[in-house]
Each structure stands twice: as C-alpha cells, then as structure tokens.
Amino acid sequence: MKEEWPGECGLLLNEPLIFERSARGRKGYSLPKLDVERAEAEKIWPRKWIRKDLEGLPELSEVEIVRH
C-alpha cells in the first residue's frame, strides 16, 4: 500500500481560513497619488448608502488574496 503525503492529492484540509490569516492593517491594494479634486461621499450619495466601517472583513496582503 502506497503512503500518501499531504498535498499529494492537491488538497490540504488543514489550511487556515482566510479570516484566520487576517492581520490588522494589511492591504491587498496600492493606489496612485490622487490626481483629481477630493470629493465628500455625503455630497455624492445618499447617507444610507455610505458605509461607516468594514467590520468583519479580513485584512490581507495582495499575495495572500491571490494565493487564497
């Protein structure tokens, strides 16, 4: 009988969840310097459409997002 190694079948079941990999302050993007006038969201959209926080979303680097 052949002994199997983790990952040999292409699936690891002990991989941490994306929420477990999260670390405060990590970002999966980088934006260029703003080259237009800054606008206030409240002046563009109704207040009910404006989100104040992103509680519960994981904070990951771009590499971690791609690998996920």
PDB file of N, CA and C in Angstrom:
ATOM      1  N   MET A   1       0.836  -1.179   0.000  1.00  0.00           N
ATOM      2  CA  MET A   1       0.000   0.000   0.000  1.00  0.00           C
ATOM      3  C   MET A   1       0.885   1.248   0.000  1.00  0.00           C
ATOM      4  N   LYS A   2       0.598   2.195  -0.902  1.00  0.00           N
ATOM      5  CA  LYS A   2       1.392   3.411  -1.053  1.00  0.00           C
ATOM      6  C   LYS A   2       1.039   4.427   0.036  1.00  0.00           C
ATOM      7  N   GLU A   3       2.071   5.010   0.664  1.00  0.00           N
ATOM      8  CA  GLU A   3       1.855   6.043   1.680  1.00  0.00           C
ATOM      9  C   GLU A   3       1.645   7.384   0.989  1.00  0.00           C
ATOM     10  N   GLU A   4       0.592   8.115   1.387  1.00  0.00           N
ATOM     11  CA  GLU A   4       0.307   9.424   0.781  1.00  0.00           C
ATOM     12  C   GLU A   4       0.858  10.543   1.645  1.00  0.00           C
ATOM     13  N   TRP A   5       1.345  11.585   1.007  1.00  0.00           N
ATOM     14  CA  TRP A   5       1.883  12.764   1.682  1.00  0.00           C
ATOM     15  C   TRP A   5       0.884  13.901   1.566  1.00  0.00           C
ATOM     16  N   PRO A   6       0.840  14.801   2.550  1.00  0.00           N
ATOM     17  CA  PRO A   6      -0.072  15.953   2.455  1.00  0.00           C
ATOM     18  C   PRO A   6       0.185  16.735   1.165  1.00  0.00           C
ATOM     19  N   GLY A   7      -0.867  17.064   0.465  1.00  0.00           N
ATOM     20  CA  GLY A   7      -0.739  17.833  -0.769  1.00  0.00           C
ATOM     21  C   GLY A   7      -0.545  16.987  -1.999  1.00  0.00           C
ATOM     22  N   GLU A   8      -0.295  15.708  -1.832  1.00  0.00           N
ATOM     23  CA  GLU A   8      -0.066  14.826  -2.972  1.00  0.00           C
ATOM     24  C   GLU A   8      -1.310  14.734  -3.845  1.00  0.00           C
ATOM     25  N   CYS A   9      -2.475  14.824  -3.226  1.00  0.00           N
ATOM     26  CA  CYS A   9      -3.737  14.750  -3.965  1.00  0.00           C
ATOM     27  C   CYS A   9      -4.216  16.139  -4.395  1.00  0.00           C
ATOM     28  N   GLY A  10      -3.491  17.187  -4.035  1.00  0.00           N
ATOM     29  CA  GLY A  10      -3.842  18.541  -4.450  1.00  0.00           C
ATOM     30  C   GLY A  10      -4.751  19.288  -3.490  1.00  0.00           C
ATOM     31  N   LEU A  11      -5.052  18.716  -2.326  1.00  0.00           N
ATOM     32  CA  LEU A  11      -5.936  19.380  -1.386  1.00  0.00           C
ATOM     33  C   LEU A  11      -5.416  19.188   0.033  1.00  0.00           C
ATOM     34  N   LEU A  12      -5.198  20.308   0.713  1.00  0.00           N
ATOM     35  CA  LEU A  12      -4.808  20.249   2.122  1.00  0.00           C
ATOM     36  C   LEU A  12      -6.003  20.664   2.964  1.00  0.00           C
ATOM     37  N   LEU A  13      -6.378  19.839   3.888  1.00  0.00           N
ATOM     38  CA  LEU A  13      -7.552  20.128   4.693  1.00  0.00           C
ATOM     39  C   LEU A  13      -7.239  20.923   5.943  1.00  0.00           C
ATOM     40  N   ASN A  14      -5.970  21.096   6.277  1.00  0.00           N
ATOM     41  CA  ASN A  14      -5.609  21.832   7.488  1.00  0.00           C
ATOM     42  C   ASN A  14      -5.182  23.267   7.184  1.00  0.00           C
ATOM     43  N   GLU A  15      -5.566  23.794   6.044  1.00  0.00           N
ATOM     44  CA  GLU A  15      -5.238  25.161   5.640  1.00  0.00           C
ATOM     45  C   GLU A  15      -6.059  26.144   6.471  1.00  0.00           C
ATOM     46  N   PRO A  16      -5.425  27.211   7.027  1.00  0.00           N
ATOM     47  CA  PRO A  16      -6.192  28.179   7.825  1.00  0.00           C
ATOM     48  C   PRO A  16      -7.204  28.940   6.966  1.00  0.00           C
ATOM     49  N   LEU A  17      -8.307  29.329   7.592  1.00  0.00           N
ATOM     50  CA  LEU A  17      -9.316  30.116   6.901  1.00  0.00           C
ATOM     51  C   LEU A  17      -8.772  31.502   6.584  1.00  0.00           C
ATOM     52  N   ILE A  18      -9.352  32.156   5.581  1.00  0.00           N
ATOM     53  CA  ILE A  18      -8.899  33.495   5.191  1.00  0.00           C
ATOM     54  C   ILE A  18      -9.065  34.469   6.358  1.00  0.00           C
ATOM     55  N   PHE A  19     -10.072  34.269   7.200  1.00  0.00           N
ATOM     56  CA  PHE A  19     -10.288  35.139   8.359  1.00  0.00           C
ATOM     57  C   PHE A  19      -9.223  34.886   9.428  1.00  0.00           C
ATOM     58  N   GLU A  20      -8.690  33.684   9.492  1.00  0.00           N
ATOM     59  CA  GLU A  20      -7.625  33.366  10.451  1.00  0.00           C
ATOM     60  C   GLU A  20      -6.284  33.952  10.007  1.00  0.00           C
ATOM     61  N   ARG A  21      -6.107  34.166   8.721  1.00  0.00           N
ATOM     62  CA  ARG A  21      -4.870  34.745   8.185  1.00  0.00           C
ATOM     63  C   ARG A  21      -4.849  36.270   8.308  1.00  0.00           C
ATOM     64  N   SER A  22      -5.991  36.856   8.576  1.00  0.00           N
ATOM     65  CA  SER A  22      -6.126  38.305   8.634  1.00  0.00           C
ATOM     66  C   SER A  22      -5.243  38.918   9.718  1.00  0.00           C
ATOM     67  N   ALA A  23      -4.692  40.095   9.414  1.00  0.00           N
ATOM     68  CA  ALA A  23      -3.916  40.867  10.385  1.00  0.00           C
ATOM     69  C   ALA A  23      -4.245  42.346  10.176  1.00  0.00           C
ATOM     70  N   ARG A  24      -4.530  43.030  11.247  1.00  0.00           N
ATOM     71  CA  ARG A  24      -4.943  44.432  11.176  1.00  0.00           C
ATOM     72  C   ARG A  24      -3.910  45.280  10.422  1.00  0.00           C
ATOM     73  N   GLY A  25      -4.401  46.066   9.466  1.00  0.00           N
ATOM     74  CA  GLY A  25      -3.546  46.986   8.737  1.00  0.00           C
ATOM     75  C   GLY A  25      -3.026  46.466   7.403  1.00  0.00           C
ATOM     76  N   ARG A  26      -3.184  45.195   7.121  1.00  0.00           N
ATOM     77  CA  ARG A  26      -2.729  44.664   5.821  1.00  0.00           C
ATOM     78  C   ARG A  26      -3.676  45.143   4.735  1.00  0.00           C
ATOM     79  N   LYS A  27      -3.114  45.404   3.556  1.00  0.00           N
ATOM     80  CA  LYS A  27      -3.926  45.861   2.427  1.00  0.00           C
ATOM     81  C   LYS A  27      -3.558  45.055   1.191  1.00  0.00           C
ATOM     82  N   GLY A  28      -4.570  44.746   0.390  1.00  0.00           N
ATOM     83  CA  GLY A  28      -4.364  43.995  -0.836  1.00  0.00           C
ATOM     84  C   GLY A  28      -4.356  44.882  -2.062  1.00  0.00           C
ATOM     85  N   TYR A  29      -4.034  46.152  -1.873  1.00  0.00           N
ATOM     86  CA  TYR A  29      -4.028  47.085  -2.992  1.00  0.00           C
ATOM     87  C   TYR A  29      -3.060  48.228  -2.717  1.00  0.00           C
ATOM     88  N   SER A  30      -2.686  48.928  -3.745  1.00  0.00           N
ATOM     89  CA  SER A  30      -1.957  50.187  -3.605  1.00  0.00           C
ATOM     90  C   SER A  30      -2.487  51.120  -4.687  1.00  0.00           C
ATOM     91  N   LEU A  31      -2.811  52.313  -4.296  1.00  0.00           N
ATOM     92  CA  LEU A  31      -3.405  53.274  -5.215  1.00  0.00           C
ATOM     93  C   LEU A  31      -2.407  54.372  -5.553  1.00  0.00           C
ATOM     94  N   PRO A  32      -2.461  54.892  -6.785  1.00  0.00           N
ATOM     95  CA  PRO A  32      -1.576  56.011  -7.130  1.00  0.00           C
ATOM     96  C   PRO A  32      -2.030  57.273  -6.406  1.00  0.00           C
ATOM     97  N   LYS A  33      -1.159  58.271  -6.384  1.00  0.00           N
ATOM     98  CA  LYS A  33      -1.484  59.545  -5.761  1.00  0.00           C
ATOM     99  C   LYS A  33      -2.715  60.142  -6.442  1.00  0.00           C
ATOM    100  N   LEU A  34      -3.627  60.705  -5.651  1.00  0.00           N
ATOM    101  CA  LEU A  34      -4.864  61.284  -6.158  1.00  0.00           C
ATOM    102  C   LEU A  34      -4.555  62.441  -7.103  1.00  0.00           C
ATOM    103  N   ASP A  35      -5.092  62.394  -8.334  1.00  0.00           N
ATOM    104  CA  ASP A  35      -4.812  63.443  -9.313  1.00  0.00           C
ATOM    105  C   ASP A  35      -6.066  64.238  -9.692  1.00  0.00           C
ATOM    106  N   VAL A  36      -7.127  64.086  -8.900  1.00  0.00           N
ATOM    107  CA  VAL A  36      -8.349  64.862  -9.092  1.00  0.00           C
ATOM    108  C   VAL A  36      -8.745  65.449  -7.742  1.00  0.00           C
ATOM    109  N   GLU A  37      -9.668  66.386  -7.771  1.00  0.00           N
ATOM    110  CA  GLU A  37     -10.117  67.006  -6.533  1.00  0.00           C
ATOM    111  C   GLU A  37     -10.856  65.984  -5.667  1.00  0.00           C
ATOM    112  N   ARG A  38     -10.541  65.973  -4.389  1.00  0.00           N
ATOM    113  CA  ARG A  38     -11.204  65.050  -3.453  1.00  0.00           C
ATOM    114  C   ARG A  38     -12.656  65.494  -3.262  1.00  0.00           C
ATOM    115  N   ALA A  39     -13.576  64.526  -3.270  1.00  0.00           N
ATOM    116  CA  ALA A  39     -14.999  64.808  -3.076  1.00  0.00           C
ATOM    117  C   ALA A  39     -15.494  64.106  -1.820  1.00  0.00           C
ATOM    118  N   GLU A  40     -16.424  64.723  -1.144  1.00  0.00           N
ATOM    119  CA  GLU A  40     -17.026  64.134   0.043  1.00  0.00           C
ATOM    120  C   GLU A  40     -18.142  63.186  -0.393  1.00  0.00           C
ATOM    121  N   ALA A  41     -18.124  61.964   0.126  1.00  0.00           N
ATOM    122  CA  ALA A  41     -19.119  60.956  -0.247  1.00  0.00           C
ATOM    123  C   ALA A  41     -20.534  61.430   0.055  1.00  0.00           C
ATOM    124  N   GLU A  42     -20.720  62.153   1.153  1.00  0.00           N
ATOM    125  CA  GLU A  42     -22.042  62.626   1.553  1.00  0.00           C
ATOM    126  C   GLU A  42     -22.654  63.576   0.522  1.00  0.00           C
ATOM    127  N   LYS A  43     -21.812  64.254  -0.255  1.00  0.00           N
ATOM    128  CA  LYS A  43     -22.305  65.185  -1.270  1.00  0.00           C
ATOM    129  C   LYS A  43     -22.670  64.473  -2.574  1.00  0.00           C
ATOM    130  N   ILE A  44     -22.244  63.221  -2.724  1.00  0.00           N
ATOM    131  CA  ILE A  44     -22.474  62.477  -3.963  1.00  0.00           C
ATOM    132  C   ILE A  44     -23.597  61.453  -3.817  1.00  0.00           C
ATOM    133  N   TRP A  45     -23.596  60.718  -2.690  1.00  0.00           N
ATOM    134  CA  TRP A  45     -24.553  59.632  -2.484  1.00  0.00           C
ATOM    135  C   TRP A  45     -25.421  59.905  -1.260  1.00  0.00           C
ATOM    136  N   PRO A  46     -26.604  59.299  -1.222  1.00  0.00           N
ATOM    137  CA  PRO A  46     -27.434  59.408  -0.013  1.00  0.00           C
ATOM    138  C   PRO A  46     -26.716  58.776   1.182  1.00  0.00           C
ATOM    139  N   ARG A  47     -26.931  59.333   2.347  1.00  0.00           N
ATOM    140  CA  ARG A  47     -26.257  58.863   3.567  1.00  0.00           C
ATOM    141  C   ARG A  47     -26.497  57.379   3.819  1.00  0.00           C
ATOM    142  N   LYS A  48     -27.678  56.860   3.488  1.00  0.00           N
ATOM    143  CA  LYS A  48     -27.983  55.449   3.739  1.00  0.00           C
ATOM    144  C   LYS A  48     -27.097  54.506   2.913  1.00  0.00           C
ATOM    145  N   TRP A  49     -26.484  54.981   1.847  1.00  0.00           N
ATOM    146  CA  TRP A  49     -25.612  54.155   1.009  1.00  0.00           C
ATOM    147  C   TRP A  49     -24.154  54.185   1.461  1.00  0.00           C
ATOM    148  N   ILE A  50     -23.828  55.059   2.386  1.00  0.00           N
ATOM    149  CA  ILE A  50     -22.437  55.236   2.803  1.00  0.00           C
ATOM    150  C   ILE A  50     -22.133  54.336   3.991  1.00  0.00           C
ATOM    151  N   ARG A  51     -21.151  53.495   3.826  1.00  0.00           N
ATOM    152  CA  ARG A  51     -20.766  52.564   4.883  1.00  0.00           C
ATOM    153  C   ARG A  51     -19.729  53.227   5.786  1.00  0.00           C
ATOM    154  N   LYS A  52     -19.917  53.112   7.080  1.00  0.00           N
ATOM    155  CA  LYS A  52     -19.002  53.739   8.037  1.00  0.00           C
ATOM    156  C   LYS A  52     -17.849  52.825   8.434  1.00  0.00           C
ATOM    157  N   ASP A  53     -18.049  51.531   8.375  1.00  0.00           N
ATOM    158  CA  ASP A  53     -16.982  50.608   8.763  1.00  0.00           C
ATOM    159  C   ASP A  53     -17.042  49.352   7.897  1.00  0.00           C
ATOM    160  N   LEU A  54     -16.004  48.583   7.961  1.00  0.00           N
ATOM    161  CA  LEU A  54     -15.935  47.315   7.238  1.00  0.00           C
ATOM    162  C   LEU A  54     -15.702  46.179   8.224  1.00  0.00           C
ATOM    163  N   GLU A  55     -16.391  46.231   9.328  1.00  0.00           N
ATOM    164  CA  GLU A  55     -16.221  45.246  10.387  1.00  0.00           C
ATOM    165  C   GLU A  55     -16.487  43.832   9.876  1.00  0.00           C
ATOM    166  N   GLY A  56     -15.582  42.933  10.229  1.00  0.00           N
ATOM    167  CA  GLY A  56     -15.765  41.537   9.884  1.00  0.00           C
ATOM    168  C   GLY A  56     -15.068  41.100   8.609  1.00  0.00           C
ATOM    169  N   LEU A  57     -14.561  42.032   7.820  1.00  0.00           N
ATOM    170  CA  LEU A  57     -13.848  41.645   6.601  1.00  0.00           C
ATOM    171  C   LEU A  57     -12.377  41.391   6.921  1.00  0.00           C
ATOM    172  N   PRO A  58     -11.780  40.358   6.314  1.00  0.00           N
ATOM    173  CA  PRO A  58     -10.369  40.075   6.604  1.00  0.00           C
ATOM    174  C   PRO A  58      -9.456  41.128   5.981  1.00  0.00           C
ATOM    175  N   GLU A  59      -8.317  41.379   6.628  1.00  0.00           N
ATOM    176  CA  GLU A  59      -7.306  42.298   6.112  1.00  0.00           C
ATOM    177  C   GLU A  59      -6.107  41.451   5.711  1.00  0.00           C
ATOM    178  N   LEU A  60      -5.844  41.386   4.400  1.00  0.00           N
ATOM    179  CA  LEU A  60      -4.795  40.531   3.852  1.00  0.00           C
ATOM    180  C   LEU A  60      -3.954  41.292   2.854  1.00  0.00           C
ATOM    181  N   SER A  61      -2.747  40.802   2.621  1.00  0.00           N
ATOM    182  CA  SER A  61      -1.898  41.383   1.586  1.00  0.00           C
ATOM    183  C   SER A  61      -2.362  40.885   0.220  1.00  0.00           C
ATOM    184  N   GLU A  62      -1.903  41.529  -0.825  1.00  0.00           N
ATOM    185  CA  GLU A  62      -2.282  41.129  -2.182  1.00  0.00           C
ATOM    186  C   GLU A  62      -1.866  39.686  -2.465  1.00  0.00           C
ATOM    187  N   VAL A  63      -0.676  39.311  -2.038  1.00  0.00           N
ATOM    188  CA  VAL A  63      -0.184  37.952  -2.259  1.00  0.00           C
ATOM    189  C   VAL A  63      -1.089  36.924  -1.578  1.00  0.00           C
ATOM    190  N   GLU A  64      -1.499  37.210  -0.353  1.00  0.00           N
ATOM    191  CA  GLU A  64      -2.390  36.300   0.362  1.00  0.00           C
ATOM    192  C   GLU A  64      -3.739  36.158  -0.327  1.00  0.00           C
ATOM    193  N   ILE A  65      -4.233  37.245  -0.877  1.00  0.00           N
ATOM    194  CA  ILE A  65      -5.509  37.204  -1.594  1.00  0.00           C
ATOM    195  C   ILE A  65      -5.380  36.347  -2.849  1.00  0.00           C
ATOM    196  N   VAL A  66      -4.327  36.558  -3.603  1.00  0.00           N
ATOM    197  CA  VAL A  66      -4.102  35.785  -4.835  1.00  0.00           C
ATOM    198  C   VAL A  66      -3.949  34.305  -4.516  1.00  0.00           C
ATOM    199  N   ARG A  67      -3.190  33.971  -3.492  1.00  0.00           N
ATOM    200  CA  ARG A  67      -2.977  32.571  -3.131  1.00  0.00           C
ATOM    201  C   ARG A  67      -4.246  31.921  -2.618  1.00  0.00           C
ATOM    202  N   HIS A  68      -5.128  32.711  -1.986  1.00  0.00           N
ATOM    203  CA  HIS A  68      -6.377  32.175  -1.468  1.00  0.00           C
ATOM    204  C   HIS A  68      -7.257  31.725  -2.624  1.00  0.00           C
TER     205      HIS A  68
END
